[in-house]
Amino acid sequence: MIASNDLRPGMKILLDASVYQVVEYQHHKPGKGGAIVRTKLKNLKTGAVLDRTFRPEEKILLAEIEERKMQFLYRQEEMFYFMDTSNYEQISLRARQLGSAPNYLKAEETISIQFHNGEPVDVLLPTFVQLKVRMTDPGVRGDTASGGSKPATLETGMVIQVPLFINVGDVVRVDTRTGAYVERG
């Protein structure tokens, strides 16, 4: 149990028998009256986001989260298959359970999946991933990093904006938090 004052973005809490992730947190002190804690919480099972206000002294139960390293094996339509690297147990997750993760998953890549009571609740991606450009307009000689941008389809099927000098076959570094091009890999 923690006080609502101690909540931070990314924390996982139990509320109404469901696991929620704190998306936003704001301690607010109006001109008169007591302080309040405003939060935006995401239900990790349904994906629904709700606004919730707490009193600063209110106690909140933290969710017990187990993190396992899992290797992405393959995708079959809307199902994604993973294997626990420690005991070779396999699980499958629907695309909607993964959020934006399918945009960054390559076969045989290892990621962390968080579990609550044996049920997967969240996928933790590395901050940056290296992905190969599968399709884009050809670069023109003399294009520089300070020029414009063009769309590029990556090996996972994700489309991002890249500088004009990027060509098919180039490997680019992508920020998984924003989905933006960072640099040529």
N, C-alpha and C. Protein backbone atom coordinates (compact mmCIF):
# COMPACT_ATOMS: atom_id res chain seq x y z
N MET A 1 0.85 -1.18 0.00
CA MET A 1 0.00 0.00 0.00
C MET A 1 0.89 1.24 0.00
N ILE A 2 0.51 2.20 -0.80
CA ILE A 2 1.21 3.47 -0.83
C ILE A 2 0.19 4.60 -0.78
N ALA A 3 0.65 5.76 -0.37
CA ALA A 3 -0.22 6.93 -0.37
C ALA A 3 -0.35 7.43 -1.81
N SER A 4 -1.49 8.01 -2.14
CA SER A 4 -1.70 8.49 -3.51
C SER A 4 -0.67 9.56 -3.89
N ASN A 5 -0.10 10.25 -2.89
CA ASN A 5 0.97 11.23 -3.15
C ASN A 5 2.20 10.59 -3.78
N ASP A 6 2.40 9.29 -3.53
CA ASP A 6 3.60 8.59 -4.01
C ASP A 6 3.42 7.95 -5.38
N LEU A 7 2.25 8.11 -6.00
CA LEU A 7 2.04 7.56 -7.34
C LEU A 7 2.94 8.27 -8.35
N ARG A 8 3.37 7.52 -9.34
CA ARG A 8 4.19 8.06 -10.42
C ARG A 8 3.78 7.40 -11.73
N PRO A 9 3.95 8.10 -12.86
CA PRO A 9 3.62 7.48 -14.15
C PRO A 9 4.37 6.16 -14.35
N GLY A 10 3.67 5.16 -14.87
CA GLY A 10 4.27 3.85 -15.10
C GLY A 10 3.97 2.84 -14.00
N MET A 11 3.61 3.31 -12.80
CA MET A 11 3.30 2.40 -11.70
C MET A 11 2.04 1.61 -12.03
N LYS A 12 1.98 0.38 -11.51
CA LYS A 12 0.81 -0.47 -11.71
C LYS A 12 0.12 -0.65 -10.37
N ILE A 13 -1.19 -0.35 -10.34
CA ILE A 13 -1.96 -0.41 -9.10
C ILE A 13 -3.19 -1.29 -9.28
N LEU A 14 -3.74 -1.76 -8.16
CA LEU A 14 -4.99 -2.52 -8.16
C LEU A 14 -6.11 -1.58 -7.77
N LEU A 15 -7.14 -1.56 -8.57
CA LEU A 15 -8.28 -0.70 -8.32
C LEU A 15 -9.51 -1.43 -8.82
N ASP A 16 -10.50 -1.62 -7.97
CA ASP A 16 -11.73 -2.34 -8.35
C ASP A 16 -11.40 -3.71 -8.94
N ALA A 17 -10.45 -4.43 -8.36
CA ALA A 17 -10.04 -5.78 -8.77
C ALA A 17 -9.43 -5.84 -10.17
N SER A 18 -9.00 -4.71 -10.70
CA SER A 18 -8.33 -4.68 -12.01
C SER A 18 -6.98 -4.00 -11.87
N VAL A 19 -6.06 -4.35 -12.77
CA VAL A 19 -4.74 -3.73 -12.77
C VAL A 19 -4.76 -2.52 -13.68
N TYR A 20 -4.32 -1.39 -13.15
CA TYR A 20 -4.25 -0.13 -13.90
C TYR A 20 -2.81 0.37 -13.89
N GLN A 21 -2.44 1.03 -14.97
CA GLN A 21 -1.14 1.70 -15.05
C GLN A 21 -1.38 3.20 -14.96
N VAL A 22 -0.58 3.86 -14.13
CA VAL A 22 -0.69 5.31 -14.00
C VAL A 22 -0.08 5.94 -15.25
N VAL A 23 -0.90 6.66 -16.02
CA VAL A 23 -0.44 7.30 -17.25
C VAL A 23 -0.01 8.73 -16.93
N GLU A 24 -0.83 9.45 -16.17
CA GLU A 24 -0.51 10.81 -15.76
C GLU A 24 -0.80 10.97 -14.28
N TYR A 25 -0.06 11.86 -13.65
CA TYR A 25 -0.20 12.11 -12.22
C TYR A 25 -0.02 13.61 -12.00
N GLN A 26 -0.94 14.20 -11.22
CA GLN A 26 -0.80 15.63 -10.93
C GLN A 26 -1.29 15.89 -9.52
N HIS A 27 -0.43 16.48 -8.70
CA HIS A 27 -0.81 16.90 -7.35
C HIS A 27 -1.36 18.31 -7.48
N HIS A 28 -2.61 18.52 -7.04
CA HIS A 28 -3.27 19.80 -7.26
C HIS A 28 -3.72 20.39 -5.93
N LYS A 29 -3.35 21.64 -5.69
CA LYS A 29 -3.74 22.34 -4.46
C LYS A 29 -4.58 23.54 -4.87
N PRO A 30 -5.92 23.41 -4.76
CA PRO A 30 -6.75 24.56 -5.10
C PRO A 30 -6.57 25.70 -4.11
N GLY A 31 -7.06 26.87 -4.44
CA GLY A 31 -6.91 28.06 -3.59
C GLY A 31 -7.41 27.83 -2.18
N LYS A 32 -8.56 27.21 -2.05
CA LYS A 32 -9.02 26.89 -0.70
C LYS A 32 -9.48 25.45 -0.68
N GLY A 33 -9.35 24.85 0.46
CA GLY A 33 -9.69 23.44 0.56
C GLY A 33 -8.42 22.59 0.53
N GLY A 34 -8.60 21.28 0.65
CA GLY A 34 -7.46 20.37 0.70
C GLY A 34 -6.91 20.04 -0.67
N ALA A 35 -5.71 19.52 -0.68
CA ALA A 35 -5.05 19.11 -1.93
C ALA A 35 -5.72 17.85 -2.46
N ILE A 36 -5.60 17.63 -3.75
CA ILE A 36 -6.09 16.41 -4.38
C ILE A 36 -5.02 15.88 -5.34
N VAL A 37 -5.13 14.61 -5.65
CA VAL A 37 -4.23 13.97 -6.60
C VAL A 37 -5.07 13.54 -7.79
N ARG A 38 -4.81 14.14 -8.96
CA ARG A 38 -5.52 13.78 -10.19
C ARG A 38 -4.67 12.79 -10.96
N THR A 39 -5.30 11.73 -11.41
CA THR A 39 -4.56 10.72 -12.18
C THR A 39 -5.34 10.35 -13.43
N LYS A 40 -4.61 9.86 -14.41
CA LYS A 40 -5.19 9.24 -15.59
C LYS A 40 -4.69 7.81 -15.53
N LEU A 41 -5.60 6.85 -15.49
CA LEU A 41 -5.25 5.44 -15.32
C LEU A 41 -5.70 4.63 -16.52
N LYS A 42 -4.86 3.70 -16.96
CA LYS A 42 -5.19 2.83 -18.09
C LYS A 42 -5.40 1.41 -17.57
N ASN A 43 -6.57 0.86 -17.85
CA ASN A 43 -6.86 -0.51 -17.49
C ASN A 43 -6.04 -1.41 -18.41
N LEU A 44 -5.16 -2.24 -17.85
CA LEU A 44 -4.26 -3.03 -18.68
C LEU A 44 -4.94 -4.22 -19.34
N LYS A 45 -6.14 -4.57 -18.90
CA LYS A 45 -6.86 -5.67 -19.53
C LYS A 45 -7.72 -5.17 -20.70
N THR A 46 -8.42 -4.06 -20.49
CA THR A 46 -9.35 -3.57 -21.51
C THR A 46 -8.77 -2.44 -22.35
N GLY A 47 -7.76 -1.74 -21.83
CA GLY A 47 -7.18 -0.60 -22.53
C GLY A 47 -7.93 0.70 -22.28
N ALA A 48 -9.04 0.62 -21.53
CA ALA A 48 -9.82 1.83 -21.23
C ALA A 48 -9.04 2.77 -20.32
N VAL A 49 -9.15 4.07 -20.59
CA VAL A 49 -8.46 5.08 -19.78
C VAL A 49 -9.51 5.84 -18.97
N LEU A 50 -9.23 6.01 -17.68
CA LEU A 50 -10.16 6.75 -16.84
C LEU A 50 -9.43 7.79 -16.02
N ASP A 51 -10.15 8.87 -15.72
CA ASP A 51 -9.62 9.92 -14.85
C ASP A 51 -10.11 9.61 -13.44
N ARG A 52 -9.20 9.66 -12.47
CA ARG A 52 -9.57 9.35 -11.10
C ARG A 52 -8.90 10.34 -10.17
N THR A 53 -9.64 10.83 -9.20
CA THR A 53 -9.11 11.78 -8.22
C THR A 53 -9.03 11.10 -6.86
N PHE A 54 -7.91 11.30 -6.18
CA PHE A 54 -7.70 10.73 -4.85
C PHE A 54 -7.40 11.84 -3.86
N ARG A 55 -7.68 11.59 -2.60
CA ARG A 55 -7.20 12.46 -1.53
C ARG A 55 -5.74 12.09 -1.28
N PRO A 56 -4.89 13.04 -0.90
CA PRO A 56 -3.46 12.75 -0.73
C PRO A 56 -3.16 11.64 0.29
N GLU A 57 -3.99 11.52 1.32
CA GLU A 57 -3.73 10.52 2.36
C GLU A 57 -4.32 9.15 2.02
N GLU A 58 -5.06 9.06 0.93
CA GLU A 58 -5.70 7.81 0.53
C GLU A 58 -4.65 6.76 0.19
N LYS A 59 -4.87 5.53 0.67
CA LYS A 59 -3.93 4.44 0.42
C LYS A 59 -4.36 3.65 -0.81
N ILE A 60 -3.38 3.29 -1.63
CA ILE A 60 -3.63 2.57 -2.88
C ILE A 60 -2.77 1.30 -2.87
N LEU A 61 -3.36 0.21 -3.34
CA LEU A 61 -2.68 -1.07 -3.36
C LEU A 61 -1.88 -1.22 -4.65
N LEU A 62 -0.59 -1.47 -4.52
CA LEU A 62 0.25 -1.72 -5.70
C LEU A 62 0.00 -3.13 -6.21
N ALA A 63 -0.01 -3.30 -7.51
CA ALA A 63 -0.19 -4.63 -8.11
C ALA A 63 1.12 -5.40 -8.03
N GLU A 64 1.03 -6.68 -7.69
CA GLU A 64 2.22 -7.53 -7.66
C GLU A 64 2.50 -7.97 -9.09
N ILE A 65 3.61 -7.50 -9.62
CA ILE A 65 3.95 -7.74 -11.03
C ILE A 65 5.19 -8.62 -11.11
N GLU A 66 5.10 -9.65 -11.94
CA GLU A 66 6.24 -10.52 -12.23
C GLU A 66 6.68 -10.23 -13.65
N GLU A 67 7.97 -10.02 -13.84
CA GLU A 67 8.49 -9.71 -15.17
C GLU A 67 9.27 -10.90 -15.70
N ARG A 68 8.95 -11.33 -16.93
CA ARG A 68 9.65 -12.46 -17.54
C ARG A 68 10.22 -12.06 -18.89
N LYS A 69 11.43 -12.53 -19.17
CA LYS A 69 12.05 -12.34 -20.48
C LYS A 69 11.43 -13.37 -21.42
N MET A 70 10.89 -12.87 -22.54
CA MET A 70 10.25 -13.76 -23.48
C MET A 70 10.73 -13.43 -24.89
N GLN A 71 10.89 -14.49 -25.69
CA GLN A 71 11.34 -14.34 -27.06
C GLN A 71 10.12 -14.37 -27.99
N PHE A 72 10.05 -13.38 -28.88
CA PHE A 72 8.97 -13.36 -29.86
C PHE A 72 9.28 -14.41 -30.92
N LEU A 73 8.34 -15.34 -31.11
CA LEU A 73 8.55 -16.43 -32.06
C LEU A 73 7.98 -16.09 -33.44
N TYR A 74 6.68 -15.84 -33.51
CA TYR A 74 6.07 -15.56 -34.80
C TYR A 74 4.68 -14.96 -34.61
N ARG A 75 4.14 -14.46 -35.71
CA ARG A 75 2.79 -13.88 -35.72
C ARG A 75 1.94 -14.70 -36.68
N GLN A 76 0.71 -14.98 -36.27
CA GLN A 76 -0.24 -15.66 -37.14
C GLN A 76 -1.54 -14.88 -37.07
N GLU A 77 -1.79 -14.08 -38.11
CA GLU A 77 -2.91 -13.15 -38.17
C GLU A 77 -2.88 -12.22 -36.96
N GLU A 78 -3.87 -12.28 -36.07
CA GLU A 78 -3.93 -11.37 -34.92
C GLU A 78 -3.28 -11.95 -33.66
N MET A 79 -2.69 -13.13 -33.76
CA MET A 79 -2.08 -13.76 -32.59
C MET A 79 -0.55 -13.67 -32.68
N PHE A 80 0.07 -13.35 -31.54
CA PHE A 80 1.52 -13.26 -31.43
C PHE A 80 1.98 -14.32 -30.43
N TYR A 81 3.00 -15.08 -30.79
CA TYR A 81 3.46 -16.19 -29.97
C TYR A 81 4.83 -15.87 -29.37
N PHE A 82 4.95 -16.12 -28.06
CA PHE A 82 6.17 -15.84 -27.31
C PHE A 82 6.59 -17.08 -26.55
N MET A 83 7.91 -17.16 -26.26
CA MET A 83 8.45 -18.27 -25.47
C MET A 83 9.26 -17.71 -24.32
N ASP A 84 8.99 -18.22 -23.11
CA ASP A 84 9.76 -17.85 -21.92
C ASP A 84 11.17 -18.41 -22.09
N THR A 85 12.17 -17.55 -22.01
CA THR A 85 13.55 -17.99 -22.26
C THR A 85 14.12 -18.83 -21.12
N SER A 86 13.47 -18.85 -19.95
CA SER A 86 14.01 -19.63 -18.84
C SER A 86 13.44 -21.04 -18.79
N ASN A 87 12.16 -21.23 -19.15
CA ASN A 87 11.56 -22.57 -19.04
C ASN A 87 10.92 -23.05 -20.34
N TYR A 88 11.04 -22.29 -21.42
CA TYR A 88 10.55 -22.65 -22.75
C TYR A 88 9.02 -22.76 -22.84
N GLU A 89 8.31 -22.25 -21.85
CA GLU A 89 6.85 -22.21 -21.89
C GLU A 89 6.42 -21.18 -22.94
N GLN A 90 5.38 -21.53 -23.71
CA GLN A 90 4.92 -20.62 -24.76
C GLN A 90 3.57 -20.02 -24.40
N ILE A 91 3.39 -18.74 -24.78
CA ILE A 91 2.11 -18.07 -24.60
C ILE A 91 1.74 -17.37 -25.90
N SER A 92 0.47 -17.09 -26.05
CA SER A 92 0.02 -16.32 -27.21
C SER A 92 -0.76 -15.11 -26.72
N LEU A 93 -0.59 -14.00 -27.40
CA LEU A 93 -1.29 -12.76 -27.06
C LEU A 93 -1.94 -12.19 -28.32
N ARG A 94 -3.10 -11.60 -28.13
CA ARG A 94 -3.78 -10.93 -29.24
C ARG A 94 -3.12 -9.58 -29.48
N ALA A 95 -3.23 -9.09 -30.71
CA ALA A 95 -2.62 -7.81 -31.09
C ALA A 95 -3.09 -6.68 -30.17
N ARG A 96 -4.36 -6.66 -29.79
CA ARG A 96 -4.88 -5.58 -28.95
C ARG A 96 -4.27 -5.59 -27.55
N GLN A 97 -3.79 -6.76 -27.09
CA GLN A 97 -3.14 -6.85 -25.79
C GLN A 97 -1.73 -6.24 -25.81
N LEU A 98 -1.17 -6.11 -27.00
CA LEU A 98 0.21 -5.66 -27.14
C LEU A 98 0.35 -4.16 -27.36
N GLY A 99 -0.74 -3.46 -27.57
CA GLY A 99 -0.66 -2.02 -27.81
C GLY A 99 0.10 -1.74 -29.09
N SER A 100 1.14 -0.89 -29.00
CA SER A 100 1.92 -0.55 -30.19
C SER A 100 3.09 -1.50 -30.42
N ALA A 101 3.28 -2.48 -29.55
CA ALA A 101 4.43 -3.40 -29.66
C ALA A 101 4.55 -4.11 -31.01
N PRO A 102 3.46 -4.53 -31.67
CA PRO A 102 3.63 -5.21 -32.97
C PRO A 102 4.40 -4.40 -34.00
N ASN A 103 4.39 -3.07 -33.88
CA ASN A 103 5.14 -2.23 -34.81
C ASN A 103 6.65 -2.41 -34.67
N TYR A 104 7.11 -2.98 -33.56
CA TYR A 104 8.54 -3.05 -33.27
C TYR A 104 9.06 -4.47 -33.10
N LEU A 105 8.18 -5.48 -33.16
CA LEU A 105 8.59 -6.86 -32.90
C LEU A 105 9.15 -7.55 -34.13
N LYS A 106 10.35 -8.09 -33.98
CA LYS A 106 10.98 -8.92 -35.01
C LYS A 106 11.13 -10.32 -34.45
N ALA A 107 11.06 -11.32 -35.31
CA ALA A 107 11.21 -12.71 -34.88
C ALA A 107 12.52 -12.90 -34.14
N GLU A 108 12.47 -13.69 -33.09
CA GLU A 108 13.60 -14.06 -32.24
C GLU A 108 14.10 -12.92 -31.36
N GLU A 109 13.38 -11.81 -31.31
CA GLU A 109 13.77 -10.70 -30.43
C GLU A 109 13.25 -10.98 -29.02
N THR A 110 14.05 -10.65 -28.00
CA THR A 110 13.66 -10.88 -26.62
C THR A 110 13.18 -9.57 -26.00
N ILE A 111 12.00 -9.65 -25.37
CA ILE A 111 11.43 -8.50 -24.68
C ILE A 111 10.97 -8.94 -23.30
N SER A 112 10.54 -8.00 -22.47
CA SER A 112 10.00 -8.32 -21.15
C SER A 112 8.49 -8.21 -21.19
N ILE A 113 7.83 -9.22 -20.61
CA ILE A 113 6.38 -9.19 -20.47
C ILE A 113 6.07 -9.26 -18.99
N GLN A 114 5.19 -8.38 -18.54
CA GLN A 114 4.82 -8.34 -17.13
C GLN A 114 3.54 -9.12 -16.92
N PHE A 115 3.52 -9.88 -15.82
CA PHE A 115 2.38 -10.73 -15.47
C PHE A 115 1.84 -10.34 -14.10
N HIS A 116 0.51 -10.46 -13.95
CA HIS A 116 -0.15 -10.29 -12.65
C HIS A 116 -1.04 -11.52 -12.46
N ASN A 117 -0.80 -12.27 -11.41
CA ASN A 117 -1.54 -13.51 -11.14
C ASN A 117 -1.51 -14.46 -12.34
N GLY A 118 -0.37 -14.56 -13.00
CA GLY A 118 -0.20 -15.47 -14.12
C GLY A 118 -0.75 -14.98 -15.44
N GLU A 119 -1.39 -13.82 -15.46
CA GLU A 119 -1.96 -13.25 -16.68
C GLU A 119 -1.06 -12.14 -17.21
N PRO A 120 -0.73 -12.14 -18.51
CA PRO A 120 0.08 -11.05 -19.05
C PRO A 120 -0.69 -9.74 -19.01
N VAL A 121 -0.03 -8.67 -18.51
CA VAL A 121 -0.70 -7.37 -18.41
C VAL A 121 0.00 -6.26 -19.18
N ASP A 122 1.29 -6.40 -19.45
CA ASP A 122 2.00 -5.32 -20.14
C ASP A 122 3.24 -5.86 -20.83
N VAL A 123 3.61 -5.19 -21.91
CA VAL A 123 4.80 -5.53 -22.69
C VAL A 123 5.78 -4.37 -22.59
N LEU A 124 7.02 -4.66 -22.20
CA LEU A 124 8.04 -3.63 -22.09
C LEU A 124 9.00 -3.75 -23.27
N LEU A 125 9.03 -2.72 -24.07
CA LEU A 125 9.91 -2.71 -25.24
C LEU A 125 11.19 -1.96 -24.90
N PRO A 126 12.28 -2.25 -25.61
CA PRO A 126 13.46 -1.40 -25.45
C PRO A 126 13.13 0.00 -25.94
N THR A 127 13.85 1.01 -25.48
CA THR A 127 13.57 2.38 -25.87
C THR A 127 13.80 2.59 -27.37
N PHE A 128 14.82 1.95 -27.92
CA PHE A 128 15.13 2.09 -29.34
C PHE A 128 15.23 0.70 -29.98
N VAL A 129 14.77 0.59 -31.22
CA VAL A 129 14.92 -0.66 -31.97
C VAL A 129 15.50 -0.35 -33.34
N GLN A 130 16.20 -1.33 -33.90
CA GLN A 130 16.78 -1.20 -35.23
C GLN A 130 15.90 -1.98 -36.20
N LEU A 131 15.36 -1.31 -37.20
CA LEU A 131 14.49 -1.95 -38.18
C LEU A 131 14.95 -1.63 -39.60
N LYS A 132 14.79 -2.61 -40.47
CA LYS A 132 15.22 -2.46 -41.87
C LYS A 132 14.10 -1.81 -42.68
N VAL A 133 14.49 -0.90 -43.58
CA VAL A 133 13.53 -0.24 -44.46
C VAL A 133 13.19 -1.20 -45.60
N ARG A 134 11.90 -1.54 -45.70
CA ARG A 134 11.44 -2.48 -46.73
C ARG A 134 11.00 -1.76 -48.00
N MET A 135 10.43 -0.54 -47.84
CA MET A 135 9.96 0.17 -49.02
C MET A 135 9.99 1.68 -48.76
N THR A 136 10.55 2.43 -49.72
CA THR A 136 10.53 3.89 -49.68
C THR A 136 10.92 4.40 -51.05
N ASP A 137 10.66 5.65 -51.31
CA ASP A 137 11.10 6.24 -52.57
C ASP A 137 12.63 6.28 -52.56
N PRO A 138 13.27 6.17 -53.72
CA PRO A 138 14.74 6.20 -53.75
C PRO A 138 15.27 7.56 -53.31
N GLY A 139 16.44 7.53 -52.66
CA GLY A 139 17.10 8.76 -52.24
C GLY A 139 17.73 9.43 -53.45
N VAL A 140 17.90 10.73 -53.36
CA VAL A 140 18.49 11.50 -54.45
C VAL A 140 19.86 11.98 -54.00
N ARG A 141 20.82 11.90 -54.88
CA ARG A 141 22.18 12.33 -54.54
C ARG A 141 22.17 13.78 -54.08
N GLY A 142 22.83 14.06 -52.98
CA GLY A 142 22.90 15.41 -52.45
C GLY A 142 21.90 15.67 -51.34
N ASP A 143 20.94 14.73 -51.11
CA ASP A 143 20.01 14.91 -50.00
C ASP A 143 20.77 14.79 -48.68
N THR A 144 20.48 15.66 -47.75
CA THR A 144 21.17 15.64 -46.47
C THR A 144 20.18 15.46 -45.33
N ALA A 145 20.72 15.29 -44.16
CA ALA A 145 19.89 15.06 -42.97
C ALA A 145 19.02 16.27 -42.66
N SER A 146 19.41 17.45 -43.08
CA SER A 146 18.64 18.65 -42.76
C SER A 146 17.53 18.92 -43.76
N GLY A 147 17.41 18.07 -44.77
CA GLY A 147 16.39 18.26 -45.80
C GLY A 147 15.02 17.84 -45.31
N GLY A 148 14.13 17.47 -46.24
CA GLY A 148 12.77 17.08 -45.92
C GLY A 148 12.69 15.64 -45.46
N SER A 149 11.48 15.10 -45.54
CA SER A 149 11.30 13.71 -45.15
C SER A 149 10.33 13.03 -46.11
N LYS A 150 10.29 11.70 -46.02
CA LYS A 150 9.43 10.89 -46.88
C LYS A 150 8.97 9.68 -46.08
N PRO A 151 7.85 9.06 -46.46
CA PRO A 151 7.40 7.87 -45.73
C PRO A 151 8.24 6.65 -46.10
N ALA A 152 8.44 5.79 -45.11
CA ALA A 152 9.16 4.54 -45.33
C ALA A 152 8.44 3.42 -44.59
N THR A 153 8.27 2.28 -45.27
CA THR A 153 7.67 1.11 -44.64
C THR A 153 8.80 0.24 -44.11
N LEU A 154 8.72 -0.10 -42.82
CA LEU A 154 9.75 -0.90 -42.18
C LEU A 154 9.42 -2.38 -42.26
N GLU A 155 10.36 -3.22 -41.87
CA GLU A 155 10.19 -4.67 -41.97
C GLU A 155 9.01 -5.21 -41.16
N THR A 156 8.54 -4.48 -40.16
CA THR A 156 7.40 -4.91 -39.36
C THR A 156 6.08 -4.44 -39.95
N GLY A 157 6.13 -3.63 -41.01
CA GLY A 157 4.93 -3.10 -41.64
C GLY A 157 4.60 -1.68 -41.19
N MET A 158 5.32 -1.19 -40.19
CA MET A 158 5.09 0.16 -39.69
C MET A 158 5.60 1.19 -40.70
N VAL A 159 4.86 2.30 -40.84
CA VAL A 159 5.27 3.38 -41.75
C VAL A 159 5.66 4.59 -40.91
N ILE A 160 6.88 5.10 -41.14
CA ILE A 160 7.36 6.28 -40.43
C ILE A 160 7.93 7.28 -41.42
N GLN A 161 8.15 8.50 -40.97
CA GLN A 161 8.80 9.52 -41.78
C GLN A 161 10.31 9.42 -41.58
N VAL A 162 11.07 9.38 -42.67
CA VAL A 162 12.53 9.31 -42.61
C VAL A 162 13.11 10.40 -43.49
N PRO A 163 14.39 10.76 -43.26
CA PRO A 163 15.05 11.75 -44.13
C PRO A 163 15.13 11.25 -45.57
N LEU A 164 15.30 12.18 -46.51
CA LEU A 164 15.33 11.85 -47.93
C LEU A 164 16.47 10.93 -48.34
N PHE A 165 17.57 10.90 -47.57
CA PHE A 165 18.72 10.09 -47.96
C PHE A 165 18.58 8.60 -47.61
N ILE A 166 17.54 8.20 -46.91
CA ILE A 166 17.33 6.80 -46.53
C ILE A 166 16.83 6.02 -47.74
N ASN A 167 17.40 4.82 -47.95
CA ASN A 167 17.05 3.97 -49.08
C ASN A 167 16.52 2.62 -48.61
N VAL A 168 15.92 1.87 -49.52
CA VAL A 168 15.48 0.50 -49.24
C VAL A 168 16.69 -0.31 -48.81
N GLY A 169 16.55 -1.09 -47.74
CA GLY A 169 17.64 -1.92 -47.25
C GLY A 169 18.41 -1.27 -46.12
N ASP A 170 18.29 0.05 -45.95
CA ASP A 170 18.96 0.71 -44.83
C ASP A 170 18.32 0.26 -43.52
N VAL A 171 19.11 0.26 -42.46
CA VAL A 171 18.61 -0.03 -41.13
C VAL A 171 18.49 1.30 -40.39
N VAL A 172 17.32 1.55 -39.80
CA VAL A 172 17.10 2.80 -39.09
C VAL A 172 16.79 2.51 -37.62
N ARG A 173 17.13 3.46 -36.79
CA ARG A 173 16.86 3.37 -35.35
C ARG A 173 15.57 4.13 -35.08
N VAL A 174 14.62 3.48 -34.39
CA VAL A 174 13.31 4.06 -34.13
C VAL A 174 13.08 4.12 -32.62
N ASP A 175 12.54 5.24 -32.15
CA ASP A 175 12.19 5.42 -30.74
C ASP A 175 10.82 4.77 -30.51
N THR A 176 10.74 3.74 -29.65
CA THR A 176 9.48 3.02 -29.43
C THR A 176 8.48 3.84 -28.62
N ARG A 177 8.93 4.89 -27.94
CA ARG A 177 8.00 5.73 -27.16
C ARG A 177 7.20 6.64 -28.07
N THR A 178 7.82 7.09 -29.17
CA THR A 178 7.16 8.06 -30.06
C THR A 178 6.90 7.50 -31.46
N GLY A 179 7.58 6.43 -31.84
CA GLY A 179 7.45 5.89 -33.18
C GLY A 179 8.18 6.71 -34.22
N ALA A 180 9.14 7.51 -33.78
CA ALA A 180 9.84 8.43 -34.68
C ALA A 180 11.23 7.90 -35.05
N TYR A 181 11.66 8.26 -36.27
CA TYR A 181 13.02 7.98 -36.74
C TYR A 181 14.01 8.73 -35.85
N VAL A 182 15.12 8.05 -35.48
CA VAL A 182 16.16 8.70 -34.67
C VAL A 182 17.41 8.91 -35.49
N GLU A 183 17.89 7.82 -36.10
CA GLU A 183 19.12 7.90 -36.90
C GLU A 183 19.23 6.66 -37.78
N ARG A 184 20.17 6.73 -38.72
CA ARG A 184 20.46 5.55 -39.55
C ARG A 184 21.28 4.61 -38.69
N GLY A 185 20.92 3.32 -38.74
CA GLY A 185 21.58 2.32 -37.88
C GLY A 185 22.78 1.82 -38.49
